Amino acid sequence: MFRVKVIATGRLAKNSRIQMEGLDVTLPEGGRVRDLLNEVGVFDDEVREVVVNGRRGRLDQALRRDDKIELRA
C-alpha cells in the first residue's frame, strides 16, 4: 500500500469529495490513475485531463508513493 495526494479542479472540485485542498488516498501496490478514480468515486468521462507530478498523465499510468495527481474537469 502507498499514499498519493489528489486535487481536483473545475466541476470535480465542487462535486466530488476531493475538493481544491486535496485528499490523501491510499492505493494498493501497482495502483493506477484509474484505480484512484474508482477510490474517490470519479468516473473516467468526468476527467478532461490528468496531471501526475506536474506532467500530463494517462488513466492507465502506474502511480508511486507520494505522487501528486491533479484531476482537471
Protein backbone atom coordinates (compact mmCIF):
# COMPACT_ATOMS: atom_id res chain seq x y z
CA MET A 1 0.00 0.00 0.00
CA PHE A 2 1.10 3.56 -0.66
CA ARG A 3 -0.33 7.07 -0.43
CA VAL A 4 -0.80 9.71 -3.09
CA LYS A 5 -2.21 13.24 -2.97
CA VAL A 6 -5.01 14.10 -5.37
CA ILE A 7 -6.53 17.50 -6.09
CA ALA A 8 -9.38 18.43 -8.37
CA THR A 9 -10.23 21.49 -10.43
CA GLY A 10 -13.34 22.73 -12.16
CA ARG A 11 -16.56 20.77 -11.63
CA LEU A 12 -14.73 18.00 -9.82
CA ALA A 13 -13.63 20.39 -7.08
CA LYS A 14 -17.25 21.27 -6.39
CA ASN A 15 -18.95 17.92 -6.99
CA SER A 16 -16.56 15.35 -5.53
CA ARG A 17 -15.10 14.59 -2.15
CA ILE A 18 -11.64 15.66 -3.35
CA GLN A 19 -12.10 19.46 -3.22
CA MET A 20 -9.42 22.03 -4.14
CA GLU A 21 -7.37 21.48 -0.98
CA GLY A 22 -6.82 17.86 -1.95
CA LEU A 23 -7.19 14.44 -0.47
CA ASP A 24 -4.65 11.81 0.60
CA VAL A 25 -5.59 8.43 -0.85
CA THR A 26 -4.12 5.00 -0.07
CA LEU A 27 -3.79 2.62 -3.03
CA PRO A 28 -2.53 -0.96 -3.34
CA GLU A 29 0.88 -1.58 -4.89
CA GLY A 30 0.57 -1.37 -8.67
CA GLY A 31 -2.29 1.13 -8.38
CA ARG A 32 -3.04 3.23 -11.46
CA VAL A 33 -4.81 6.52 -12.08
CA ARG A 34 -7.95 4.58 -12.99
CA ASP A 35 -7.82 2.83 -9.58
CA LEU A 36 -7.52 6.24 -7.92
CA LEU A 37 -10.62 7.47 -9.75
CA ASN A 38 -12.54 4.42 -8.56
CA GLU A 39 -11.38 5.00 -4.99
CA VAL A 40 -12.60 8.61 -4.92
CA GLY A 41 -15.83 7.96 -6.85
CA VAL A 42 -15.00 9.84 -10.06
CA PHE A 43 -15.93 8.45 -13.49
CA ASP A 44 -13.40 8.42 -16.36
CA ASP A 45 -15.61 10.62 -18.52
CA GLU A 46 -15.70 13.34 -15.84
CA VAL A 47 -11.94 13.92 -16.19
CA ARG A 48 -10.72 16.11 -19.03
CA GLU A 49 -7.03 15.90 -18.15
CA VAL A 50 -4.80 14.06 -15.66
CA VAL A 51 -1.56 15.61 -14.40
CA VAL A 52 0.91 13.50 -12.40
CA ASN A 53 3.76 15.35 -10.68
CA GLY A 54 3.34 18.32 -12.99
CA ARG A 55 3.34 16.29 -16.22
CA ARG A 56 0.49 15.10 -18.39
CA GLY A 57 -0.66 11.66 -17.25
CA ARG A 58 -2.83 8.79 -18.51
CA LEU A 59 -5.64 6.81 -16.93
CA ASP A 60 -3.61 3.60 -17.20
CA GLN A 61 -0.48 5.20 -15.69
CA ALA A 62 1.00 3.41 -12.69
CA LEU A 63 1.34 5.57 -9.60
CA ARG A 64 4.05 5.62 -6.94
CA ARG A 65 4.31 6.63 -3.32
CA ASP A 66 3.89 10.40 -2.75
CA ASP A 67 2.81 11.15 -6.35
CA LYS A 68 0.72 14.31 -6.72
CA ILE A 69 -2.22 13.91 -9.09
CA GLU A 70 -4.39 16.71 -10.41
CA LEU A 71 -7.71 15.84 -11.99
CA ARG A 72 -8.99 18.56 -14.29
CA ALA A 73 -12.61 18.74 -15.39
